[in-house]
């Protein structure tokens, strides 16, 4: 792949095994990128136990993005003014997601000035702030008016379809009309439509999204749940949502303990799921 625009599935950096499997898919030529939230990794590390240098090595030249870059409280990380940390992280990413919040344009202006080659994703996912096509229209309209030629650096906008994630379950009611309208607005501005939380969606539902114009998808917790399921099968005690066990993979030494016995099986199962997503979206 030569551009972030070529990526069809962005895999969340929810565990080291997930990152390794996604990086291997990318190396095989699949349109797969890796996207990390600041609580998964940042300049001062995250629950993967890796700083930027460590994750960069693990990613192995796959396309790399930052998700929810300017909403650290949502991620359980509050450094006060998070803009300096984003500027510090920016060189490690091919693209950065800046949420549609009151400070979105301020953040993008500073980040554009800090790095002349960075590109961006804007907007928010369903489970945070549900919205309709007019909001995407005015967001992109105002940004183009403000940024001029620099608007070309806005590559993705987040669209919504009525579907969201509740624990390890895909919930909601698919709204085709709403999604088509949002994708249409994105494409009218030369921006790709991105769907967050494509986890636990059946293939026919994924195809409905692409039929409406969605260009790219994020997936993460579903892959963490696959890894967690294997650890639970091996005797790890866990009474919560399977994907939430990922916070203990490194902190409690689970991944290291089971690497020799289960590592290859885990990465193969994650690869199978990624390939299935790609086949579903076409």
C-alpha atoms as a PDB file:
ATOM      1  CA  UNK A   1       0.000   0.000   0.000  1.00  0.00           C
ATOM      2  CA  UNK A   2       1.221   3.461  -0.839  1.00  0.00           C
ATOM      3  CA  UNK A   3      -1.323   5.586   1.032  1.00  0.00           C
ATOM      4  CA  UNK A   4      -3.652   5.620   4.031  1.00  0.00           C
ATOM      5  CA  UNK A   5      -6.417   5.951   1.439  1.00  0.00           C
ATOM      6  CA  UNK A   6      -5.773   2.356   0.383  1.00  0.00           C
ATOM      7  CA  UNK A   7      -6.540   0.864   3.807  1.00  0.00           C
ATOM      8  CA  UNK A   8      -9.867  -0.973   4.034  1.00  0.00           C
ATOM      9  CA  UNK A   9      -9.553  -2.317   7.595  1.00  0.00           C
ATOM     10  CA  UNK A  10      -7.818  -0.447  10.409  1.00  0.00           C
ATOM     11  CA  UNK A  11      -6.973  -2.881  13.203  1.00  0.00           C
ATOM     12  CA  UNK A  12      -6.903  -1.493  16.733  1.00  0.00           C
ATOM     13  CA  UNK A  13      -3.662  -2.000  18.651  1.00  0.00           C
ATOM     14  CA  UNK A  14      -5.569  -3.826  21.385  1.00  0.00           C
ATOM     15  CA  UNK A  15      -2.798  -6.335  22.071  1.00  0.00           C
ATOM     16  CA  UNK A  16       0.693  -7.195  20.922  1.00  0.00           C
ATOM     17  CA  UNK A  17      -0.585 -10.356  19.223  1.00  0.00           C
ATOM     18  CA  UNK A  18      -3.258  -8.400  17.358  1.00  0.00           C
ATOM     19  CA  UNK A  19      -0.628  -5.905  16.172  1.00  0.00           C
ATOM     20  CA  UNK A  20       1.670  -8.705  15.033  1.00  0.00           C
ATOM     21  CA  UNK A  21      -1.141 -10.436  13.123  1.00  0.00           C
ATOM     22  CA  UNK A  22      -2.262  -7.187  11.466  1.00  0.00           C
ATOM     23  CA  UNK A  23       1.316  -6.265  10.533  1.00  0.00           C
ATOM     24  CA  UNK A  24       1.755  -9.684   8.927  1.00  0.00           C
ATOM     25  CA  UNK A  25      -1.445  -9.162   6.910  1.00  0.00           C
ATOM     26  CA  UNK A  26      -0.141  -5.810   5.721  1.00  0.00           C
ATOM     27  CA  UNK A  27       3.195  -7.346   4.766  1.00  0.00           C
ATOM     28  CA  UNK A  28       1.296  -9.868   2.638  1.00  0.00           C
ATOM     29  CA  UNK A  29      -0.199  -6.955   0.703  1.00  0.00           C
ATOM     30  CA  UNK A  30      -3.620  -6.869   2.327  1.00  0.00           C
ATOM     31  CA  UNK A  31      -5.208  -3.373   2.695  1.00  0.00           C
ATOM     32  CA  UNK A  32      -4.769  -3.420   6.473  1.00  0.00           C
ATOM     33  CA  UNK A  33      -3.492  -0.670   8.758  1.00  0.00           C
ATOM     34  CA  UNK A  34      -2.980  -0.460  12.518  1.00  0.00           C
ATOM     35  CA  UNK A  35      -4.600   2.226  14.648  1.00  0.00           C
ATOM     36  CA  UNK A  36      -3.742   2.916  18.289  1.00  0.00           C
ATOM     37  CA  UNK A  37      -5.470   5.034  20.910  1.00  0.00           C
ATOM     38  CA  UNK A  38      -3.249   7.041  23.278  1.00  0.00           C
ATOM     39  CA  UNK A  39      -4.097   4.659  26.133  1.00  0.00           C
ATOM     40  CA  UNK A  40      -2.801   1.717  24.086  1.00  0.00           C
ATOM     41  CA  UNK A  41       0.460   3.470  23.353  1.00  0.00           C
ATOM     42  CA  UNK A  42       1.867   6.980  23.468  1.00  0.00           C
ATOM     43  CA  UNK A  43       5.157   8.769  24.023  1.00  0.00           C
ATOM     44  CA  UNK A  44       4.991   7.631  27.664  1.00  0.00           C
ATOM     45  CA  UNK A  45       3.642   4.132  26.920  1.00  0.00           C
ATOM     46  CA  UNK A  46       0.184   2.604  27.506  1.00  0.00           C
ATOM     47  CA  UNK A  47      -1.351  -0.716  28.458  1.00  0.00           C
ATOM     48  CA  UNK A  48       0.565  -2.533  25.702  1.00  0.00           C
ATOM     49  CA  UNK A  49       3.707  -1.736  27.689  1.00  0.00           C
ATOM     50  CA  UNK A  50       5.292  -0.124  24.618  1.00  0.00           C
ATOM     51  CA  UNK A  51       6.330   3.423  23.831  1.00  0.00           C
ATOM     52  CA  UNK A  52       6.285   4.801  20.273  1.00  0.00           C
ATOM     53  CA  UNK A  53       9.616   3.196  19.403  1.00  0.00           C
ATOM     54  CA  UNK A  54       8.505  -0.218  20.636  1.00  0.00           C
ATOM     55  CA  UNK A  55       5.210  -0.158  18.781  1.00  0.00           C
ATOM     56  CA  UNK A  56       6.861   1.169  15.624  1.00  0.00           C
ATOM     57  CA  UNK A  57       9.130  -1.892  15.606  1.00  0.00           C
ATOM     58  CA  UNK A  58       6.187  -4.243  16.205  1.00  0.00           C
ATOM     59  CA  UNK A  59       4.115  -2.600  13.444  1.00  0.00           C
ATOM     60  CA  UNK A  60       6.902  -3.452  10.966  1.00  0.00           C
ATOM     61  CA  UNK A  61       6.187  -0.709   8.396  1.00  0.00           C
ATOM     62  CA  UNK A  62       2.411  -1.184   8.221  1.00  0.00           C
ATOM     63  CA  UNK A  63       0.304   1.971   7.914  1.00  0.00           C
ATOM     64  CA  UNK A  64      -0.099   3.419  11.411  1.00  0.00           C
ATOM     65  CA  UNK A  65      -2.854   5.686  12.720  1.00  0.00           C
ATOM     66  CA  UNK A  66      -3.853   7.365  15.989  1.00  0.00           C
ATOM     67  CA  UNK A  67      -7.467   6.985  17.122  1.00  0.00           C
ATOM     68  CA  UNK A  68      -9.321   9.422  19.441  1.00  0.00           C
ATOM     69  CA  UNK A  69      -6.212  11.578  19.583  1.00  0.00           C
ATOM     70  CA  UNK A  70      -7.735  14.581  21.328  1.00  0.00           C
ATOM     71  CA  UNK A  71     -10.087  12.845  23.764  1.00  0.00           C
ATOM     72  CA  UNK A  72      -7.831  11.435  26.450  1.00  0.00           C
ATOM     73  CA  UNK A  73     -10.416  11.615  29.280  1.00  0.00           C
ATOM     74  CA  UNK A  74     -12.647   9.238  27.248  1.00  0.00           C
ATOM     75  CA  UNK A  75      -9.702   6.855  27.178  1.00  0.00           C
ATOM     76  CA  UNK A  76      -8.993   7.151  30.894  1.00  0.00           C
ATOM     77  CA  UNK A  77      -5.862   9.244  30.341  1.00  0.00           C
ATOM     78  CA  UNK A  78      -5.970  12.877  31.425  1.00  0.00           C
ATOM     79  CA  UNK A  79      -2.713  14.794  31.102  1.00  0.00           C
ATOM     80  CA  UNK A  80      -4.494  18.136  31.295  1.00  0.00           C
ATOM     81  CA  UNK A  81      -3.483  19.822  28.024  1.00  0.00           C
ATOM     82  CA  UNK A  82      -3.101  16.860  25.675  1.00  0.00           C
ATOM     83  CA  UNK A  83      -2.014  18.853  22.612  1.00  0.00           C
ATOM     84  CA  UNK A  84       1.738  18.737  23.409  1.00  0.00           C
ATOM     85  CA  UNK A  85       1.570  14.943  23.707  1.00  0.00           C
ATOM     86  CA  UNK A  86      -0.158  14.702  20.320  1.00  0.00           C
ATOM     87  CA  UNK A  87       2.515  16.877  18.728  1.00  0.00           C
ATOM     88  CA  UNK A  88       5.129  14.584  20.254  1.00  0.00           C
ATOM     89  CA  UNK A  89       3.350  11.464  18.979  1.00  0.00           C
ATOM     90  CA  UNK A  90       2.597  12.831  15.495  1.00  0.00           C
ATOM     91  CA  UNK A  91       5.808  11.730  13.697  1.00  0.00           C
ATOM     92  CA  UNK A  92       5.043   8.087  14.499  1.00  0.00           C
ATOM     93  CA  UNK A  93       1.685   8.108  12.713  1.00  0.00           C
ATOM     94  CA  UNK A  94       0.623   8.144   9.080  1.00  0.00           C
ATOM     95  CA  UNK A  95      -2.756   9.613  10.092  1.00  0.00           C
ATOM     96  CA  UNK A  96      -4.287  11.044  13.270  1.00  0.00           C
ATOM     97  CA  UNK A  97      -7.947  11.056  14.298  1.00  0.00           C
ATOM     98  CA  UNK A  98      -9.026  14.395  15.773  1.00  0.00           C
ATOM     99  CA  UNK A  99     -12.500  14.238  17.289  1.00  0.00           C
ATOM    100  CA  UNK A 100     -15.288  16.636  16.322  1.00  0.00           C
ATOM    101  CA  UNK A 101     -15.062  18.609  19.550  1.00  0.00           C
ATOM    102  CA  UNK A 102     -15.057  22.341  20.256  1.00  0.00           C
ATOM    103  CA  UNK A 103     -11.288  22.497  19.765  1.00  0.00           C
ATOM    104  CA  UNK A 104     -11.048  20.398  16.600  1.00  0.00           C
ATOM    105  CA  UNK A 105      -9.866  23.177  14.286  1.00  0.00           C
ATOM    106  CA  UNK A 106      -7.391  24.533  16.836  1.00  0.00           C
ATOM    107  CA  UNK A 107      -5.861  21.097  17.223  1.00  0.00           C
ATOM    108  CA  UNK A 108      -5.591  20.490  13.484  1.00  0.00           C
ATOM    109  CA  UNK A 109      -4.028  23.928  12.914  1.00  0.00           C
ATOM    110  CA  UNK A 110      -1.340  23.219  15.507  1.00  0.00           C
ATOM    111  CA  UNK A 111      -0.717  19.680  14.233  1.00  0.00           C
ATOM    112  CA  UNK A 112      -0.531  20.852  10.609  1.00  0.00           C
ATOM    113  CA  UNK A 113       2.052  23.460  11.580  1.00  0.00           C
ATOM    114  CA  UNK A 114       4.038  20.887  13.582  1.00  0.00           C
ATOM    115  CA  UNK A 115       4.262  18.359  10.752  1.00  0.00           C
ATOM    116  CA  UNK A 116       3.830  19.354   7.124  1.00  0.00           C
ATOM    117  CA  UNK A 117       3.077  15.841   5.851  1.00  0.00           C
ATOM    118  CA  UNK A 118       0.560  14.552   8.400  1.00  0.00           C
ATOM    119  CA  UNK A 119      -3.016  13.810   7.368  1.00  0.00           C
ATOM    120  CA  UNK A 120      -6.137  13.563   9.498  1.00  0.00           C
ATOM    121  CA  UNK A 121      -9.448  11.883  10.241  1.00  0.00           C
ATOM    122  CA  UNK A 122     -12.300  13.877  11.805  1.00  0.00           C
ATOM    123  CA  UNK A 123     -15.670  13.067  13.370  1.00  0.00           C
ATOM    124  CA  UNK A 124     -17.022  10.886  16.179  1.00  0.00           C
ATOM    125  CA  UNK A 125     -18.467   7.424  16.530  1.00  0.00           C
ATOM    126  CA  UNK A 126     -22.047   6.486  17.345  1.00  0.00           C
ATOM    127  CA  UNK A 127     -21.554   5.448  20.957  1.00  0.00           C
ATOM    128  CA  UNK A 128     -20.142   8.863  21.846  1.00  0.00           C
ATOM    129  CA  UNK A 129     -22.136  11.494  19.947  1.00  0.00           C
ATOM    130  CA  UNK A 130     -24.856  10.295  17.525  1.00  0.00           C
ATOM    131  CA  UNK A 131     -25.339  12.731  14.640  1.00  0.00           C
ATOM    132  CA  UNK A 132     -26.759  13.073  11.126  1.00  0.00           C
ATOM    133  CA  UNK A 133     -25.457  14.169   7.722  1.00  0.00           C
ATOM    134  CA  UNK A 134     -25.871  17.953   8.319  1.00  0.00           C
ATOM    135  CA  UNK A 135     -23.287  17.848  11.101  1.00  0.00           C
ATOM    136  CA  UNK A 136     -20.730  16.199   8.817  1.00  0.00           C
ATOM    137  CA  UNK A 137     -21.600  18.752   6.126  1.00  0.00           C
ATOM    138  CA  UNK A 138     -20.993  21.760   8.352  1.00  0.00           C
ATOM    139  CA  UNK A 139     -17.868  20.255   9.885  1.00  0.00           C
ATOM    140  CA  UNK A 140     -16.289  19.671   6.473  1.00  0.00           C
ATOM    141  CA  UNK A 141     -17.652  22.930   5.037  1.00  0.00           C
ATOM    142  CA  UNK A 142     -16.197  25.032   7.843  1.00  0.00           C
ATOM    143  CA  UNK A 143     -12.881  23.192   7.763  1.00  0.00           C
ATOM    144  CA  UNK A 144     -12.494  23.699   4.010  1.00  0.00           C
ATOM    145  CA  UNK A 145     -13.330  27.390   4.345  1.00  0.00           C
ATOM    146  CA  UNK A 146     -10.761  27.761   7.112  1.00  0.00           C
ATOM    147  CA  UNK A 147      -7.985  25.541   5.758  1.00  0.00           C
ATOM    148  CA  UNK A 148      -8.054  26.305   2.044  1.00  0.00           C
ATOM    149  CA  UNK A 149      -5.589  24.081   0.189  1.00  0.00           C
ATOM    150  CA  UNK A 150      -4.608  22.413   3.460  1.00  0.00           C
ATOM    151  CA  UNK A 151      -8.063  20.799   3.527  1.00  0.00           C
ATOM    152  CA  UNK A 152      -6.580  18.095   1.279  1.00  0.00           C
ATOM    153  CA  UNK A 153      -5.007  16.747   4.463  1.00  0.00           C
ATOM    154  CA  UNK A 154      -8.443  15.682   5.754  1.00  0.00           C
ATOM    155  CA  UNK A 155      -8.590  12.109   4.448  1.00  0.00           C
ATOM    156  CA  UNK A 156     -11.406  10.485   6.477  1.00  0.00           C
ATOM    157  CA  UNK A 157     -14.584  11.549   8.224  1.00  0.00           C
ATOM    158  CA  UNK A 158     -16.359   9.229  10.652  1.00  0.00           C
ATOM    159  CA  UNK A 159     -19.861   8.227   9.558  1.00  0.00           C
ATOM    160  CA  UNK A 160     -22.620   6.564  11.564  1.00  0.00           C
ATOM    161  CA  UNK A 161     -25.201   3.941  10.641  1.00  0.00           C
ATOM    162  CA  UNK A 162     -27.176   3.465  13.862  1.00  0.00           C
ATOM    163  CA  UNK A 163     -24.907   0.574  14.874  1.00  0.00           C
ATOM    164  CA  UNK A 164     -22.626   0.724  17.871  1.00  0.00           C
ATOM    165  CA  UNK A 165     -20.728  -1.423  20.334  1.00  0.00           C
ATOM    166  CA  UNK A 166     -21.990  -2.384  23.785  1.00  0.00           C
ATOM    167  CA  UNK A 167     -19.445  -4.588  25.494  1.00  0.00           C
ATOM    168  CA  UNK A 168     -18.781  -7.417  23.056  1.00  0.00           C
ATOM    169  CA  UNK A 169     -22.096  -7.028  21.223  1.00  0.00           C
ATOM    170  CA  UNK A 170     -22.960  -5.061  18.088  1.00  0.00           C
ATOM    171  CA  UNK A 171     -26.174  -3.205  18.905  1.00  0.00           C
ATOM    172  CA  UNK A 172     -28.529  -0.722  17.285  1.00  0.00           C
ATOM    173  CA  UNK A 173     -30.737  -0.506  14.217  1.00  0.00           C
ATOM    174  CA  UNK A 174     -29.134  -0.114  10.816  1.00  0.00           C
ATOM    175  CA  UNK A 175     -30.240   3.103   9.107  1.00  0.00           C
ATOM    176  CA  UNK A 176     -29.427   2.877   5.411  1.00  0.00           C
ATOM    177  CA  UNK A 177     -30.794   6.308   4.495  1.00  0.00           C
ATOM    178  CA  UNK A 178     -28.797   8.042   7.202  1.00  0.00           C
ATOM    179  CA  UNK A 179     -25.570   6.258   6.282  1.00  0.00           C
ATOM    180  CA  UNK A 180     -25.947   6.922   2.545  1.00  0.00           C
ATOM    181  CA  UNK A 181     -26.489  10.602   3.244  1.00  0.00           C
ATOM    182  CA  UNK A 182     -23.403  10.845   5.446  1.00  0.00           C
ATOM    183  CA  UNK A 183     -21.196   8.984   2.962  1.00  0.00           C
ATOM    184  CA  UNK A 184     -22.524  11.206   0.168  1.00  0.00           C
ATOM    185  CA  UNK A 185     -21.491  14.334   2.072  1.00  0.00           C
ATOM    186  CA  UNK A 186     -17.997  12.930   2.692  1.00  0.00           C
ATOM    187  CA  UNK A 187     -17.486  12.024  -0.950  1.00  0.00           C
ATOM    188  CA  UNK A 188     -18.758  15.406  -2.152  1.00  0.00           C
ATOM    189  CA  UNK A 189     -15.831  16.943  -0.249  1.00  0.00           C
ATOM    190  CA  UNK A 190     -13.334  14.393  -1.551  1.00  0.00           C
ATOM    191  CA  UNK A 191     -13.138  12.759   1.888  1.00  0.00           C
ATOM    192  CA  UNK A 192     -13.388   9.013   2.542  1.00  0.00           C
ATOM    193  CA  UNK A 193     -16.140   7.668   4.810  1.00  0.00           C
ATOM    194  CA  UNK A 194     -14.875   5.712   7.848  1.00  0.00           C
ATOM    195  CA  UNK A 195     -16.938   3.460  10.117  1.00  0.00           C
ATOM    196  CA  UNK A 196     -15.745   2.869  13.675  1.00  0.00           C
ATOM    197  CA  UNK A 197     -16.629  -0.207  15.750  1.00  0.00           C
ATOM    198  CA  UNK A 198     -17.143  -2.723  12.951  1.00  0.00           C
ATOM    199  CA  UNK A 199     -16.627  -5.393  15.617  1.00  0.00           C
ATOM    200  CA  UNK A 200     -19.003  -8.351  15.929  1.00  0.00           C
ATOM    201  CA  UNK A 201     -20.801  -7.419  12.688  1.00  0.00           C
ATOM    202  CA  UNK A 202     -21.951 -10.295  10.489  1.00  0.00           C
ATOM    203  CA  UNK A 203     -20.753 -10.269   6.886  1.00  0.00           C
ATOM    204  CA  UNK A 204     -24.103  -9.215   5.438  1.00  0.00           C
ATOM    205  CA  UNK A 205     -24.199  -6.158   7.705  1.00  0.00           C
ATOM    206  CA  UNK A 206     -20.662  -5.176   6.704  1.00  0.00           C
ATOM    207  CA  UNK A 207     -21.666  -5.451   3.030  1.00  0.00           C
ATOM    208  CA  UNK A 208     -24.632  -3.165   3.648  1.00  0.00           C
ATOM    209  CA  UNK A 209     -22.223  -0.547   4.942  1.00  0.00           C
ATOM    210  CA  UNK A 210     -19.973  -0.759   1.885  1.00  0.00           C
ATOM    211  CA  UNK A 211     -23.019  -0.684  -0.392  1.00  0.00           C
ATOM    212  CA  UNK A 212     -23.938   2.644   1.238  1.00  0.00           C
ATOM    213  CA  UNK A 213     -20.501   4.083   0.533  1.00  0.00           C
ATOM    214  CA  UNK A 214     -18.335   3.292   3.565  1.00  0.00           C
ATOM    215  CA  UNK A 215     -14.713   3.161   2.413  1.00  0.00           C
ATOM    216  CA  UNK A 216     -12.906   1.908   5.520  1.00  0.00           C
ATOM    217  CA  UNK A 217     -13.598   0.292   8.884  1.00  0.00           C
ATOM    218  CA  UNK A 218     -12.059   0.125  12.379  1.00  0.00           C
ATOM    219  CA  UNK A 219     -12.048  -3.159  14.272  1.00  0.00           C
ATOM    220  CA  UNK A 220     -10.378  -4.015  17.581  1.00  0.00           C
ATOM    221  CA  UNK A 221     -12.301  -5.398  20.568  1.00  0.00           C
ATOM    222  CA  UNK A 222     -13.522  -8.373  18.518  1.00  0.00           C
ATOM    223  CA  UNK A 223      -9.911  -9.407  17.908  1.00  0.00           C
ATOM    224  CA  UNK A 224      -9.014  -8.934  21.567  1.00  0.00           C
ATOM    225  CA  UNK A 225     -11.961 -11.192  22.453  1.00  0.00           C
ATOM    226  CA  UNK A 226     -10.558 -13.928  20.197  1.00  0.00           C
ATOM    227  CA  UNK A 227      -7.253 -13.816  22.045  1.00  0.00           C
ATOM    228  CA  UNK A 228      -8.970 -13.643  25.428  1.00  0.00           C
ATOM    229  CA  UNK A 229     -11.129 -16.658  24.572  1.00  0.00           C
ATOM    230  CA  UNK A 230      -8.044 -18.799  24.031  1.00  0.00           C
ATOM    231  CA  UNK A 231      -6.525 -17.703  27.353  1.00  0.00           C
ATOM    232  CA  UNK A 232      -9.819 -18.446  29.142  1.00  0.00           C
ATOM    233  CA  UNK A 233      -9.892 -21.882  27.496  1.00  0.00           C
ATOM    234  CA  UNK A 234      -6.393 -22.453  28.896  1.00  0.00           C
ATOM    235  CA  UNK A 235      -7.555 -21.699  32.424  1.00  0.00           C
ATOM    236  CA  UNK A 236      -7.268 -17.936  32.894  1.00  0.00           C
ATOM    237  CA  UNK A 237     -10.064 -16.927  35.236  1.00  0.00           C
ATOM    238  CA  UNK A 238     -12.141 -14.008  34.013  1.00  0.00           C
ATOM    239  CA  UNK A 239     -15.738 -13.076  34.781  1.00  0.00           C
ATOM    240  CA  UNK A 240     -16.010  -9.900  32.717  1.00  0.00           C
ATOM    241  CA  UNK A 241     -16.452  -9.009  29.062  1.00  0.00           C
ATOM    242  CA  UNK A 242     -13.852 -11.101  27.169  1.00  0.00           C
ATOM    243  CA  UNK A 243     -12.361  -8.189  25.213  1.00  0.00           C
ATOM    244  CA  UNK A 244     -11.707  -6.305  28.468  1.00  0.00           C
ATOM    245  CA  UNK A 245      -9.207  -8.968  29.499  1.00  0.00           C
ATOM    246  CA  UNK A 246      -6.800  -7.241  27.070  1.00  0.00           C
ATOM    247  CA  UNK A 247      -5.866  -4.752  29.787  1.00  0.00           C
ATOM    248  CA  UNK A 248      -4.313  -7.664  31.697  1.00  0.00           C
ATOM    249  CA  UNK A 249      -2.485  -9.335  28.782  1.00  0.00           C
ATOM    250  CA  UNK A 250       0.721  -7.461  29.582  1.00  0.00           C
ATOM    251  CA  UNK A 251       0.096  -6.095  33.077  1.00  0.00           C
ATOM    252  CA  UNK A 252      -0.453  -9.586  34.523  1.00  0.00           C
ATOM    253  CA  UNK A 253       1.931 -11.443  32.218  1.00  0.00           C
ATOM    254  CA  UNK A 254      -0.797 -13.488  30.509  1.00  0.00           C
ATOM    255  CA  UNK A 255       0.546 -13.140  26.968  1.00  0.00           C
ATOM    256  CA  UNK A 256       4.084 -14.019  28.010  1.00  0.00           C
ATOM    257  CA  UNK A 257       2.923 -17.051  30.007  1.00  0.00           C
ATOM    258  CA  UNK A 258       1.000 -18.574  27.096  1.00  0.00           C
ATOM    259  CA  UNK A 259       3.161 -17.421  24.163  1.00  0.00           C
ATOM    260  CA  UNK A 260       4.975 -20.710  23.640  1.00  0.00           C
ATOM    261  CA  UNK A 261       1.810 -22.797  23.809  1.00  0.00           C
ATOM    262  CA  UNK A 262      -0.768 -20.531  22.168  1.00  0.00           C
ATOM    263  CA  UNK A 263       0.937 -17.623  20.422  1.00  0.00           C
ATOM    264  CA  UNK A 264       0.819 -18.994  16.893  1.00  0.00           C
ATOM    265  CA  UNK A 265      -2.762 -20.211  17.330  1.00  0.00           C
ATOM    266  CA  UNK A 266      -3.847 -16.783  18.581  1.00  0.00           C
ATOM    267  CA  UNK A 267      -2.251 -14.900  15.697  1.00  0.00           C
ATOM    268  CA  UNK A 268      -3.663 -17.357  13.154  1.00  0.00           C
ATOM    269  CA  UNK A 269      -7.177 -16.943  14.568  1.00  0.00           C
ATOM    270  CA  UNK A 270      -6.842 -13.139  14.494  1.00  0.00           C
ATOM    271  CA  UNK A 271      -5.588 -13.288  10.900  1.00  0.00           C
ATOM    272  CA  UNK A 272      -8.589 -15.404   9.910  1.00  0.00           C
ATOM    273  CA  UNK A 273     -10.936 -12.805  11.382  1.00  0.00           C
ATOM    274  CA  UNK A 274      -9.194  -9.927   9.580  1.00  0.00           C
ATOM    275  CA  UNK A 275      -9.329 -11.790   6.261  1.00  0.00           C
ATOM    276  CA  UNK A 276     -13.020 -12.498   6.846  1.00  0.00           C
ATOM    277  CA  UNK A 277     -13.678  -8.776   7.327  1.00  0.00           C
ATOM    278  CA  UNK A 278     -11.832  -7.950   4.113  1.00  0.00           C
ATOM    279  CA  UNK A 279     -13.763 -10.567   2.167  1.00  0.00           C
ATOM    280  CA  UNK A 280     -17.067  -9.257   3.528  1.00  0.00           C
ATOM    281  CA  UNK A 281     -16.467  -5.640   2.587  1.00  0.00           C
ATOM    282  CA  UNK A 282     -15.036  -6.524  -0.851  1.00  0.00           C
END
